[in-house]
Amino acid sequence: MDALFEPLSYAFFNKGLIVATLSGALLGFIGVFIVLRGMSYIGHGLSHSIFGGFAASQLFAAQFYMLGAGLWGIASALAITTVARRGRVGADAAIGVITTASFALGVALFAKFGTSGPSFENALFGSILGISVQQIIGLVAVSILAAVFVFLRYRALIFSTFDPDVADVSGVRVARLEAMLMIVLSLAILATLTVIGVTLVAAMLVIPAVIGRMLTDSFGKMLAWSTGIGMFCGFVGMYASYYAGVPSGTMIVLVGAVIFVIVLAITGGRGLRRSAGLDKHHDVAELAPVVTR
């Protein structure tokens, strides 16, 4: 009990615990759609792309670096979606070109001009001590936005996730829906950047969702499992970070990795393949009449 309550006597830890838990929940929630769409790499790519905007915006207006990084990330996400949908270049190739170039630009700008805002290490690995009240408000706002978006477009999102071609001809505006999802994803990455860092945020987009996929064949239950596991990783990882003396993002991801290994050993990897589990054709047939509008 002393180990549980001792850190709570520090204001920075209380604030960090809330932010880490909420960040884990947000990334776990959004990660379900990314994993089931086979777009796990895009979380890695967008986090690196946002880092480029993070660095570039500080050269012109350091106080608005979050806004600059957010706009940069959204522009990168929309560019990836546009290039991939043209068909001649795959999504993985588009991500590789756009995001790695953006990350390289960010590193070059930091090396050449330095920074007057958050440090290079904080951007890469996260720093829970650097969380401001404005960033907490931003994280809460993005979490609410993500929940509202999924609630309003839940059936259309499921339909387009499992059969985008049929959804498109059935009246679902798949391109617009994907663009909106990429915008929400970019904002989620930006909002959690300070907690987990560029190099680790992609892991928390994938790990909770993959664990949830191994635990259930139901989309709704997977969404709940992934969100809950993300919250747990953030909560426990924050405590582990306090006692281990290592960055919070590192411990949050390691907690998720331990849970993954345990669940993998218990389930034998059941549900790891996207094609297994959910009855795709049944779900699509059920959803088609109600999502077209």
Protein backbone atom coordinates (compact mmCIF):
# COMPACT_ATOMS: atom_id res chain seq x y z
CA MET A 1 0.00 0.00 0.00
CA ASP A 2 2.89 2.36 0.72
CA ALA A 3 4.27 1.69 -2.76
CA LEU A 4 0.85 2.50 -4.19
CA PHE A 5 0.19 5.73 -2.30
CA GLU A 6 3.68 7.21 -1.88
CA PRO A 7 3.96 8.56 -5.47
CA LEU A 8 0.51 10.16 -5.12
CA SER A 9 1.97 12.68 -2.68
CA TYR A 10 3.68 14.38 -5.62
CA ALA A 11 1.61 16.69 -7.80
CA PHE A 12 3.60 15.89 -10.94
CA PHE A 13 2.91 12.17 -10.51
CA ASN A 14 -0.84 12.67 -10.08
CA LYS A 15 -0.94 14.73 -13.25
CA GLY A 16 1.26 12.25 -15.08
CA LEU A 17 -0.81 9.27 -13.96
CA ILE A 18 -3.98 10.79 -15.37
CA VAL A 19 -2.32 11.73 -18.65
CA ALA A 20 -0.58 8.35 -19.08
CA THR A 21 -3.81 6.43 -18.39
CA LEU A 22 -5.84 8.58 -20.76
CA SER A 23 -3.13 8.40 -23.44
CA GLY A 24 -3.08 4.62 -23.26
CA ALA A 25 -6.86 4.48 -23.57
CA LEU A 26 -6.90 6.84 -26.56
CA LEU A 27 -4.19 4.99 -28.48
CA GLY A 28 -5.75 1.62 -27.70
CA PHE A 29 -9.13 2.87 -28.88
CA ILE A 30 -7.91 4.26 -32.21
CA GLY A 31 -5.45 1.41 -32.69
CA VAL A 32 -8.26 -1.10 -33.26
CA PHE A 33 -9.16 0.48 -36.60
CA ILE A 34 -5.51 0.78 -37.60
CA VAL A 35 -4.69 -2.88 -36.85
CA LEU A 36 -7.80 -4.35 -38.47
CA ARG A 37 -7.20 -2.28 -41.61
CA GLY A 38 -3.67 -3.69 -41.86
CA MET A 39 -2.22 -0.19 -41.40
CA SER A 40 -0.05 -0.76 -38.34
CA TYR A 41 2.89 0.83 -40.10
CA ILE A 42 1.06 4.12 -40.52
CA GLY A 43 1.18 4.84 -36.78
CA HIS A 44 4.95 4.50 -36.90
CA GLY A 45 5.13 6.64 -40.00
CA LEU A 46 2.85 9.44 -38.82
CA SER A 47 4.63 9.74 -35.48
CA HIS A 48 7.88 10.32 -37.36
CA SER A 49 6.20 12.71 -39.76
CA ILE A 50 4.78 14.77 -36.89
CA PHE A 51 8.30 15.02 -35.49
CA GLY A 52 9.29 16.85 -38.69
CA GLY A 53 6.54 19.41 -38.15
CA PHE A 54 7.49 19.61 -34.47
CA ALA A 55 11.00 20.68 -35.45
CA ALA A 56 10.09 22.94 -38.37
CA SER A 57 7.42 24.93 -36.53
CA GLN A 58 9.84 25.84 -33.73
CA LEU A 59 12.04 27.72 -36.18
CA PHE A 60 9.26 30.21 -36.86
CA ALA A 61 7.03 30.26 -33.77
CA ALA A 62 8.19 28.06 -30.91
CA GLN A 63 5.11 28.82 -28.82
CA PHE A 64 2.89 27.31 -31.52
CA TYR A 65 4.91 24.16 -32.12
CA MET A 66 1.96 21.89 -31.24
CA LEU A 67 -0.21 23.58 -33.84
CA GLY A 68 2.51 23.35 -36.46
CA ALA A 69 3.20 19.70 -35.71
CA GLY A 70 -0.51 18.90 -35.84
CA LEU A 71 -1.02 20.56 -39.21
CA TRP A 72 2.08 18.84 -40.54
CA GLY A 73 0.83 15.45 -39.35
CA ILE A 74 -2.65 15.94 -40.83
CA ALA A 75 -1.16 17.04 -44.16
CA SER A 76 1.09 13.95 -44.17
CA ALA A 77 -1.83 11.63 -43.36
CA LEU A 78 -3.96 13.06 -46.14
CA ALA A 79 -1.05 12.87 -48.57
CA ILE A 80 -0.49 9.20 -47.74
CA THR A 81 -4.19 8.42 -48.19
CA THR A 82 -4.35 10.27 -51.50
CA VAL A 83 -1.23 8.63 -52.94
CA ALA A 84 -2.24 5.15 -51.79
CA ARG A 85 -5.74 5.41 -53.25
CA ARG A 86 -4.37 6.20 -56.71
CA GLY A 87 -3.37 2.54 -56.92
CA ARG A 88 0.04 2.90 -58.57
CA VAL A 89 1.87 3.24 -55.26
CA GLY A 90 0.99 1.09 -52.26
CA ALA A 91 0.21 2.58 -48.84
CA ASP A 92 3.42 1.18 -47.36
CA ALA A 93 5.51 2.83 -50.07
CA ALA A 94 3.68 6.15 -49.64
CA ILE A 95 4.23 6.01 -45.88
CA GLY A 96 7.89 5.15 -46.36
CA VAL A 97 8.60 8.09 -48.65
CA ILE A 98 6.53 10.82 -46.99
CA THR A 99 7.14 10.08 -43.33
CA THR A 100 10.82 9.16 -43.42
CA ALA A 101 11.57 12.29 -45.41
CA SER A 102 9.67 14.35 -42.85
CA PHE A 103 11.55 12.73 -39.96
CA ALA A 104 14.89 13.30 -41.67
CA LEU A 105 13.96 16.95 -42.16
CA GLY A 106 13.15 17.26 -38.45
CA VAL A 107 16.51 15.77 -37.43
CA ALA A 108 18.33 18.04 -39.87
CA LEU A 109 16.57 21.15 -38.55
CA PHE A 110 17.34 20.24 -34.95
CA ALA A 111 20.99 19.59 -35.79
CA LYS A 112 21.40 22.81 -37.76
CA PHE A 113 19.40 25.34 -35.76
CA GLY A 114 18.76 23.74 -32.38
CA THR A 115 15.49 24.40 -30.60
CA SER A 116 13.99 26.98 -28.28
CA GLY A 117 11.10 24.70 -27.31
CA PRO A 118 10.95 21.14 -25.95
CA SER A 119 14.21 19.22 -26.25
CA PHE A 120 15.11 16.69 -28.91
CA GLU A 121 15.13 13.86 -26.36
CA ASN A 122 11.71 14.79 -24.97
CA ALA A 123 10.22 14.73 -28.44
CA LEU A 124 11.74 11.34 -29.20
CA PHE A 125 11.15 9.53 -25.92
CA GLY A 126 8.50 11.56 -24.12
CA SER A 127 8.69 13.41 -20.81
CA ILE A 128 5.80 13.23 -18.40
CA LEU A 129 7.33 16.09 -16.39
CA GLY A 130 6.89 18.42 -19.35
CA ILE A 131 3.11 18.09 -19.49
CA SER A 132 1.33 21.43 -19.31
CA VAL A 133 -2.28 22.21 -18.45
CA GLN A 134 -2.91 23.15 -22.08
CA GLN A 135 -1.62 19.76 -23.24
CA ILE A 136 -3.89 17.96 -20.77
CA ILE A 137 -6.86 19.91 -22.08
CA GLY A 138 -5.79 19.06 -25.62
CA LEU A 139 -5.53 15.35 -24.77
CA VAL A 140 -9.01 15.35 -23.22
CA ALA A 141 -10.42 17.21 -26.24
CA VAL A 142 -8.87 14.75 -28.72
CA SER A 143 -10.15 11.79 -26.67
CA ILE A 144 -13.68 13.20 -26.76
CA LEU A 145 -13.37 13.91 -30.49
CA ALA A 146 -12.25 10.33 -31.17
CA ALA A 147 -15.10 8.87 -29.11
CA VAL A 148 -17.71 11.06 -30.83
CA PHE A 149 -16.34 10.26 -34.29
CA VAL A 150 -16.43 6.50 -33.70
CA PHE A 151 -19.88 6.70 -32.08
CA LEU A 152 -21.37 8.63 -35.01
CA ARG A 153 -19.69 6.59 -37.75
CA TYR A 154 -19.42 3.23 -35.98
CA ARG A 155 -21.24 1.05 -38.52
CA ALA A 156 -19.68 2.77 -41.51
CA LEU A 157 -16.24 2.32 -39.98
CA ILE A 158 -16.82 -1.41 -39.47
CA PHE A 159 -18.16 -1.80 -43.01
CA SER A 160 -15.25 0.06 -44.62
CA THR A 161 -12.74 -1.76 -42.41
CA PHE A 162 -13.69 -5.26 -43.50
CA ASP A 163 -14.81 -4.66 -47.08
CA PRO A 164 -14.03 -1.15 -48.36
CA ASP A 165 -14.88 -1.99 -51.99
CA VAL A 166 -18.39 -3.20 -51.16
CA ALA A 167 -18.84 -0.30 -48.75
CA ASP A 168 -17.87 2.15 -51.48
CA VAL A 169 -20.38 0.85 -54.01
CA SER A 170 -23.03 0.60 -51.28
CA GLY A 171 -22.97 4.34 -50.71
CA VAL A 172 -20.39 4.75 -47.94
CA ARG A 173 -17.99 7.57 -48.75
CA VAL A 174 -14.92 5.50 -47.95
CA ALA A 175 -12.35 8.06 -49.08
CA ARG A 176 -13.83 10.78 -46.87
CA LEU A 177 -14.19 8.36 -43.95
CA GLU A 178 -10.55 7.28 -44.25
CA ALA A 179 -9.43 10.92 -44.40
CA MET A 180 -11.40 11.68 -41.22
CA LEU A 181 -9.89 8.63 -39.49
CA MET A 182 -6.39 9.74 -40.48
CA ILE A 183 -7.04 13.22 -39.07
CA VAL A 184 -8.22 11.76 -35.75
CA LEU A 185 -5.20 9.44 -35.72
CA SER A 186 -2.81 12.35 -36.34
CA LEU A 187 -4.37 14.35 -33.51
CA ALA A 188 -4.18 11.33 -31.17
CA ILE A 189 -0.48 10.86 -31.93
CA LEU A 190 0.18 14.56 -31.43
CA ALA A 191 -1.71 14.66 -28.12
CA THR A 192 0.24 11.70 -26.70
CA LEU A 193 3.63 12.67 -28.11
CA THR A 194 4.89 14.29 -24.92
CA VAL A 195 3.92 11.30 -22.79
CA ILE A 196 5.19 8.41 -24.89
CA GLY A 197 7.45 10.01 -27.48
CA VAL A 198 7.83 9.68 -31.23
CA THR A 199 9.70 6.39 -31.14
CA LEU A 200 7.20 4.54 -28.94
CA VAL A 201 3.76 5.94 -29.71
CA ALA A 202 3.32 3.54 -32.65
CA ALA A 203 3.81 0.58 -30.32
CA MET A 204 0.87 1.66 -28.15
CA LEU A 205 -1.30 1.99 -31.24
CA VAL A 206 -0.64 -1.66 -32.06
CA ILE A 207 -0.02 -3.65 -28.85
CA PRO A 208 -3.40 -3.16 -27.07
CA ALA A 209 -5.35 -3.78 -30.29
CA VAL A 210 -3.40 -6.96 -31.10
CA ILE A 211 -3.95 -8.25 -27.56
CA GLY A 212 -7.66 -7.48 -27.85
CA ARG A 213 -7.75 -9.33 -31.19
CA MET A 214 -6.31 -12.43 -29.52
CA LEU A 215 -8.91 -12.28 -26.74
CA THR A 216 -12.12 -11.92 -28.75
CA ASP A 217 -13.75 -12.35 -32.14
CA SER A 218 -16.23 -9.52 -31.53
CA PHE A 219 -15.43 -6.08 -32.90
CA GLY A 220 -17.20 -4.28 -30.05
CA LYS A 221 -15.47 -6.39 -27.40
CA MET A 222 -12.14 -5.90 -29.12
CA LEU A 223 -12.67 -2.14 -28.94
CA ALA A 224 -13.40 -2.40 -25.21
CA TRP A 225 -10.49 -4.75 -24.53
CA SER A 226 -8.01 -2.60 -26.44
CA THR A 227 -9.11 0.59 -24.68
CA GLY A 228 -8.98 -1.09 -21.26
CA ILE A 229 -5.56 -2.64 -21.90
CA GLY A 230 -4.23 0.72 -23.06
CA MET A 231 -5.49 2.34 -19.85
CA PHE A 232 -3.90 -0.42 -17.76
CA CYS A 233 -0.56 -0.07 -19.56
CA GLY A 234 -0.57 3.69 -18.98
CA PHE A 235 -1.48 3.35 -15.30
CA VAL A 236 0.95 0.55 -14.42
CA GLY A 237 3.65 1.92 -16.70
CA MET A 238 3.58 5.24 -14.90
CA TYR A 239 4.12 3.56 -11.54
CA ALA A 240 6.87 1.38 -13.00
CA SER A 241 8.51 4.48 -14.46
CA TYR A 242 8.51 6.17 -11.07
CA TYR A 243 10.25 3.30 -9.29
CA ALA A 244 12.56 2.26 -12.13
CA GLY A 245 13.70 5.80 -12.91
CA VAL A 246 13.23 5.43 -16.68
CA PRO A 247 11.06 7.42 -19.14
CA SER A 248 7.34 6.83 -18.79
CA GLY A 249 6.84 5.94 -22.44
CA THR A 250 9.40 3.16 -22.22
CA MET A 251 7.71 1.51 -19.25
CA ILE A 252 4.22 1.89 -20.72
CA VAL A 253 5.30 0.01 -23.84
CA LEU A 254 7.15 -2.64 -21.81
CA VAL A 255 4.06 -3.30 -19.70
CA GLY A 256 2.09 -3.77 -22.91
CA ALA A 257 4.76 -6.13 -24.25
CA VAL A 258 4.61 -8.26 -21.09
CA ILE A 259 0.82 -8.50 -21.36
CA PHE A 260 1.17 -9.47 -25.02
CA VAL A 261 3.57 -12.31 -24.18
CA ILE A 262 1.27 -13.61 -21.43
CA VAL A 263 -1.84 -13.53 -23.64
CA LEU A 264 0.09 -15.07 -26.53
CA ALA A 265 1.17 -17.96 -24.28
CA ILE A 266 -2.38 -18.51 -23.03
CA THR A 267 -4.22 -18.22 -26.36
CA GLY A 268 -1.54 -19.60 -28.64
CA GLY A 269 -1.85 -16.53 -30.89
CA ARG A 270 -5.49 -17.19 -31.73
CA GLY A 271 -6.98 -14.22 -33.57
CA LEU A 272 -3.70 -12.73 -34.81
CA ARG A 273 -4.71 -13.11 -38.44
CA ARG A 274 -7.13 -10.52 -39.67
CA SER A 275 -8.99 -13.10 -41.77
CA ALA A 276 -9.73 -15.29 -38.76
CA GLY A 277 -12.34 -14.70 -36.10
CA LEU A 278 -14.94 -12.14 -37.11
CA ASP A 279 -17.41 -13.37 -39.69
CA LYS A 280 -16.67 -10.77 -42.34
CA HIS A 281 -19.46 -11.65 -44.73
CA HIS A 282 -22.08 -11.83 -42.00
CA ASP A 283 -21.05 -8.45 -40.61
CA VAL A 284 -21.01 -6.79 -44.03
CA ALA A 285 -24.38 -8.20 -44.99
CA GLU A 286 -25.84 -6.98 -41.73
CA LEU A 287 -24.33 -3.51 -41.98
CA ALA A 288 -24.94 -2.73 -45.65
CA PRO A 289 -28.57 -1.56 -45.34
CA VAL A 290 -27.94 0.77 -42.42
CA VAL A 291 -24.71 2.59 -43.31
CA THR A 292 -25.55 3.83 -46.78
CA ARG A 293 -26.50 7.44 -46.70
